[in-house]
Amino acid sequence: MRIALLQVEPGSRDVAGNLRRLADACGAGVDLVVTPEMFLTGYDIGAAAVHALAEPADGPSAAAVAGIARRTGTAVLYGYPERSGRAVFDAVQLVGPDGTRLAGYRKTHLFGDLDRSVFEAGDDPPPVVELHGWGLGLLICYDVEFPETVRGLALAGADAVLVPTANMLPYDAVPEVLVPARAHENQVYVAYANFVGREGSLDYGGLSRVAGPTGAVPARAGRGAEVLVAELDRAALADSRRDTPYLADRRPELYRGLADGP
């Protein structure tokens, strides 16, 4: 499966402009486009703006993304603020190449005061969805820094974990160290799509990448804007899982206390 990670400067508060950028990326001849976290509105735009721009999961922006996917035959995973009643969530939606909504996910691990002052935390576990014969797991930014999240997705059948993010400086250790480690220890691909540039008080770090099941990084971006294209290789995944059978060799009876800590 051929995927594109859209590493761009945030289009703060410019939903229409961001939809145009998404449509352009979907014309790149790939199977799936992954955007950064909160791509449709920008991330560090203040609570008032986020709440004003938040939409329900079936709102007008969702319809626009479905139309882009259908016209281009490209699946899309995009980040946006989701409104549900009076609550607003940091959310993503996965839309299939025919425009069908395949899955939604709300960020479950909120990062610092910036997240907690704006969003409610999601309470549903991250989903695994089939697309083009691949099991795709969904996380958002800080979620991937908790090893249990990726392990849970791998055990649920994920072959690749998609992570829209808004990772800022100085946290380069996340893409450089944690993302390859999560991929290797769970024998999955991890695709991590970040912003670049400055927004509000944040300087985004870029460094979007796709890490493979061996821990190698076959596709990586720098600090500038780019559309990073990578191929997810089914044969390479099978070979790595045969040679490094972490999931088969684990002994969960010894680790049950991990979920019962303070």
Protein backbone atom coordinates (compact mmCIF):
# COMPACT_ATOMS: atom_id res chain seq x y z
CA MET A 1 0.00 0.00 0.00
CA ARG A 2 1.35 3.40 -1.00
CA ILE A 3 0.78 6.19 1.55
CA ALA A 4 1.53 9.91 1.73
CA LEU A 5 2.16 11.87 4.92
CA LEU A 6 1.21 15.53 4.53
CA GLN A 7 3.89 17.51 6.40
CA VAL A 8 2.83 21.14 6.13
CA GLU A 9 2.67 24.39 8.04
CA PRO A 10 -0.67 24.67 9.83
CA GLY A 11 -3.38 26.60 8.06
CA SER A 12 -4.68 28.18 11.25
CA ARG A 13 -8.46 28.69 11.23
CA ASP A 14 -8.58 28.19 7.44
CA VAL A 15 -10.79 25.12 6.98
CA ALA A 16 -11.53 25.86 3.31
CA GLY A 17 -7.87 26.36 2.49
CA ASN A 18 -6.91 23.17 4.29
CA LEU A 19 -9.50 21.21 2.36
CA ARG A 20 -7.94 22.50 -0.86
CA ARG A 21 -4.50 21.39 0.31
CA LEU A 22 -5.90 17.99 1.13
CA ALA A 23 -7.43 17.69 -2.33
CA ASP A 24 -4.07 18.54 -3.90
CA ALA A 25 -2.31 15.85 -1.85
CA CYS A 26 -4.91 13.27 -2.83
CA GLY A 27 -3.88 13.76 -6.45
CA ALA A 28 -0.41 12.32 -5.73
CA GLY A 29 -1.24 8.80 -6.92
CA VAL A 30 -1.25 7.13 -3.50
CA ASP A 31 -3.72 4.83 -1.73
CA LEU A 32 -3.91 6.80 1.52
CA VAL A 33 -3.13 10.35 2.68
CA VAL A 34 -2.44 11.01 6.37
CA THR A 35 -2.57 14.59 7.71
CA PRO A 36 -1.22 16.04 10.96
CA GLU A 37 -3.30 16.35 14.11
CA MET A 38 -6.08 18.99 14.00
CA PHE A 39 -5.22 19.57 10.35
CA LEU A 40 -8.52 21.16 9.33
CA THR A 41 -8.28 24.06 11.80
CA GLY A 42 -4.77 24.16 13.22
CA TYR A 43 -3.82 22.97 16.69
CA ASP A 44 -2.57 25.90 18.82
CA ILE A 45 -5.27 28.40 17.88
CA GLY A 46 -6.87 28.93 21.29
CA ALA A 47 -9.87 27.34 22.95
CA ALA A 48 -12.38 29.87 21.62
CA ALA A 49 -11.37 29.30 17.99
CA VAL A 50 -11.29 25.52 18.37
CA HIS A 51 -14.76 25.49 19.88
CA ALA A 52 -16.10 27.85 17.21
CA LEU A 53 -14.72 25.67 14.39
CA ALA A 54 -15.53 22.27 15.89
CA GLU A 55 -17.96 20.14 13.90
CA PRO A 56 -19.80 16.87 14.47
CA ALA A 57 -18.36 13.74 12.91
CA ASP A 58 -20.91 13.99 10.10
CA GLY A 59 -20.59 17.76 9.62
CA PRO A 60 -19.90 19.77 6.47
CA SER A 61 -16.14 19.23 6.55
CA ALA A 62 -16.65 15.49 6.81
CA ALA A 63 -18.86 15.66 3.73
CA ALA A 64 -16.20 17.70 1.91
CA VAL A 65 -13.46 15.18 2.77
CA ALA A 66 -15.70 12.32 1.63
CA GLY A 67 -16.15 14.10 -1.69
CA ILE A 68 -12.38 14.54 -2.10
CA ALA A 69 -11.79 10.87 -1.34
CA ARG A 70 -14.49 9.75 -3.77
CA ARG A 71 -13.34 12.02 -6.62
CA THR A 72 -9.70 11.00 -6.31
CA GLY A 73 -10.15 7.37 -5.26
CA THR A 74 -7.86 8.04 -2.29
CA ALA A 75 -8.43 7.10 1.34
CA VAL A 76 -7.85 9.91 3.87
CA LEU A 77 -7.04 10.05 7.57
CA TYR A 78 -7.48 13.63 8.76
CA GLY A 79 -7.41 15.46 12.08
CA TYR A 80 -10.11 17.89 13.21
CA PRO A 81 -11.93 19.16 16.33
CA GLU A 82 -15.05 17.03 16.85
CA ARG A 83 -18.08 18.46 18.61
CA SER A 84 -20.43 16.11 20.44
CA GLY A 85 -23.03 17.94 22.45
CA ARG A 86 -21.14 20.53 24.50
CA ALA A 87 -17.88 18.57 24.46
CA VAL A 88 -15.06 19.02 21.94
CA PHE A 89 -12.56 16.26 21.18
CA ASP A 90 -9.21 16.16 19.39
CA ALA A 91 -10.26 13.62 16.76
CA VAL A 92 -9.42 11.91 13.49
CA GLN A 93 -11.55 10.24 10.85
CA LEU A 94 -10.56 7.59 8.32
CA VAL A 95 -12.46 7.86 5.04
CA GLY A 96 -12.29 5.17 2.39
CA PRO A 97 -11.56 5.74 -1.32
CA ASP A 98 -15.28 5.60 -2.06
CA GLY A 99 -16.02 8.34 0.49
CA THR A 100 -17.33 5.98 3.16
CA ARG A 101 -16.47 6.79 6.77
CA LEU A 102 -14.49 3.78 7.99
CA ALA A 103 -13.63 4.86 11.54
CA GLY A 104 -13.29 7.73 13.94
CA TYR A 105 -11.10 8.09 17.00
CA ARG A 106 -10.83 10.66 19.81
CA LYS A 107 -7.46 11.31 21.46
CA THR A 108 -7.36 9.46 24.77
CA HIS A 109 -4.13 10.83 26.29
CA LEU A 110 -4.26 14.61 26.56
CA PHE A 111 -0.93 16.48 26.51
CA GLY A 112 -0.43 19.13 29.17
CA ASP A 113 -2.47 22.24 29.79
CA LEU A 114 -2.76 23.03 26.07
CA ASP A 115 -4.88 19.92 25.46
CA ARG A 116 -6.67 19.86 28.78
CA SER A 117 -7.82 23.46 28.52
CA VAL A 118 -9.49 22.80 25.16
CA PHE A 119 -10.51 19.15 24.79
CA GLU A 120 -12.27 16.34 26.56
CA ALA A 121 -10.40 13.03 26.54
CA GLY A 122 -11.86 10.22 24.49
CA ASP A 123 -12.77 7.08 26.40
CA ASP A 124 -13.03 4.54 23.59
CA PRO A 125 -10.04 2.35 22.71
CA PRO A 126 -8.37 3.05 19.37
CA PRO A 127 -9.85 1.08 16.48
CA VAL A 128 -8.33 -1.25 13.92
CA VAL A 129 -9.90 -1.00 10.46
CA GLU A 130 -9.25 -2.94 7.26
CA LEU A 131 -8.20 -1.03 4.14
CA HIS A 132 -6.76 -2.65 1.00
CA GLY A 133 -6.07 -5.81 2.98
CA TRP A 134 -4.15 -3.99 5.74
CA GLY A 135 -5.23 -3.68 9.37
CA LEU A 136 -4.85 -0.01 10.24
CA GLY A 137 -4.76 1.21 13.84
CA LEU A 138 -5.41 4.85 14.73
CA LEU A 139 -3.71 6.99 17.38
CA ILE A 140 -3.15 10.72 17.86
CA CYS A 141 0.16 12.34 18.86
CA TYR A 142 0.81 11.79 22.59
CA ASP A 143 -1.05 8.44 22.48
CA VAL A 144 1.90 6.77 20.72
CA GLU A 145 4.19 7.64 23.63
CA PHE A 146 2.39 5.05 25.76
CA PRO A 147 3.62 1.60 24.76
CA GLU A 148 0.36 -0.06 25.75
CA THR A 149 -1.54 1.73 22.99
CA VAL A 150 0.47 0.31 20.11
CA ARG A 151 0.71 -3.12 21.72
CA GLY A 152 -3.08 -3.19 22.06
CA LEU A 153 -3.50 -2.30 18.40
CA ALA A 154 -1.00 -4.96 17.32
CA LEU A 155 -2.84 -7.60 19.35
CA ALA A 156 -6.11 -6.44 17.76
CA GLY A 157 -4.73 -7.11 14.29
CA ALA A 158 -3.03 -3.89 13.23
CA ASP A 159 -0.39 -4.16 10.52
CA ALA A 160 0.23 -0.41 10.52
CA VAL A 161 -0.47 2.31 13.07
CA LEU A 162 -1.29 5.78 11.74
CA VAL A 163 -0.42 8.72 14.01
CA PRO A 164 -1.41 12.28 13.08
CA THR A 165 0.57 14.56 15.39
CA ALA A 166 1.36 18.17 16.26
CA ASN A 167 4.71 17.45 17.90
CA MET A 168 6.64 20.54 18.87
CA LEU A 169 10.25 21.28 19.70
CA PRO A 170 12.17 20.09 21.68
CA TYR A 171 10.54 16.63 21.56
CA ASP A 172 12.49 15.12 18.66
CA ALA A 173 12.97 11.94 20.70
CA VAL A 174 9.40 10.96 19.86
CA PRO A 175 9.91 10.54 16.10
CA GLU A 176 13.61 9.68 16.36
CA VAL A 177 13.43 7.09 19.16
CA LEU A 178 9.91 6.15 20.20
CA VAL A 179 8.29 5.75 16.78
CA PRO A 180 10.88 3.24 15.47
CA ALA A 181 10.80 1.44 18.83
CA ARG A 182 7.00 1.12 18.75
CA ALA A 183 7.18 -0.27 15.22
CA HIS A 184 9.87 -2.82 16.06
CA GLU A 185 8.58 -4.03 19.42
CA ASN A 186 5.10 -4.61 17.96
CA GLN A 187 6.12 -5.75 14.46
CA VAL A 188 4.02 -3.13 12.68
CA TYR A 189 4.57 -0.09 10.50
CA VAL A 190 4.10 3.26 12.26
CA ALA A 191 3.31 6.31 10.12
CA TYR A 192 3.79 9.62 11.99
CA ALA A 193 2.59 12.82 10.25
CA ASN A 194 3.60 16.17 11.78
CA PHE A 195 3.36 19.90 11.15
CA VAL A 196 6.29 22.24 10.47
CA GLY A 197 6.66 25.96 11.14
CA ARG A 198 5.28 28.09 13.94
CA GLU A 199 1.75 28.42 15.29
CA GLY A 200 0.75 30.32 18.40
CA SER A 201 3.38 29.54 21.03
CA LEU A 202 4.62 26.36 19.31
CA ASP A 203 7.46 25.58 16.93
CA TYR A 204 6.62 22.30 15.22
CA GLY A 205 9.43 19.83 14.69
CA GLY A 206 8.53 18.11 11.41
CA LEU A 207 10.46 14.82 11.11
CA SER A 208 7.41 12.92 9.85
CA ARG A 209 8.33 9.34 9.08
CA VAL A 210 7.31 5.79 8.38
CA ALA A 211 9.08 3.26 10.60
CA GLY A 212 9.00 -0.40 9.66
CA PRO A 213 8.76 -3.59 11.72
CA THR A 214 12.54 -4.01 11.83
CA GLY A 215 12.86 -0.56 13.41
CA ALA A 216 14.35 0.86 10.22
CA VAL A 217 12.93 4.13 8.85
CA PRO A 218 12.46 3.75 5.08
CA ALA A 219 10.89 7.19 4.68
CA ARG A 220 11.65 10.29 6.72
CA ALA A 221 11.04 14.02 6.31
CA GLY A 222 13.19 16.90 7.50
CA ARG A 223 12.15 20.22 8.99
CA GLY A 224 10.48 21.66 5.89
CA ALA A 225 7.14 21.16 4.22
CA GLU A 226 6.83 18.11 1.99
CA VAL A 227 4.57 15.27 1.01
CA LEU A 228 6.39 12.17 2.23
CA VAL A 229 5.51 9.06 0.21
CA ALA A 230 6.22 5.53 1.40
CA GLU A 231 5.35 1.99 0.40
CA LEU A 232 4.11 -0.44 3.04
CA ASP A 233 5.52 -3.84 2.05
CA ARG A 234 3.45 -6.91 2.97
CA ALA A 235 6.29 -9.36 2.29
CA ALA A 236 8.75 -7.38 4.43
CA LEU A 237 6.21 -7.32 7.26
CA ALA A 238 5.74 -11.10 7.09
CA ASP A 239 9.49 -11.70 7.01
CA SER A 240 10.08 -9.49 10.04
CA ARG A 241 7.28 -11.14 12.02
CA ARG A 242 8.73 -14.56 11.25
CA ASP A 243 12.25 -13.52 12.31
CA THR A 244 11.20 -11.48 15.37
CA PRO A 245 8.10 -13.11 16.88
CA TYR A 246 7.66 -10.77 19.84
CA LEU A 247 3.88 -11.12 19.96
CA ALA A 248 4.00 -14.92 19.85
CA ASP A 249 6.79 -15.14 22.44
CA ARG A 250 5.35 -12.76 25.03
CA ARG A 251 4.08 -14.10 28.38
CA PRO A 252 1.08 -11.94 29.29
CA GLU A 253 0.43 -13.83 32.52
CA LEU A 254 3.56 -12.15 33.90
CA TYR A 255 2.51 -8.60 32.96
CA ARG A 256 -1.11 -8.42 34.08
CA GLY A 257 -0.24 -6.01 36.88
CA LEU A 258 0.79 -3.35 34.33
CA ALA A 259 -2.86 -2.43 33.79
CA ASP A 260 -3.60 -2.27 37.52
CA GLY A 261 -1.04 0.34 38.59
CA PRO A 262 -1.85 3.65 40.35
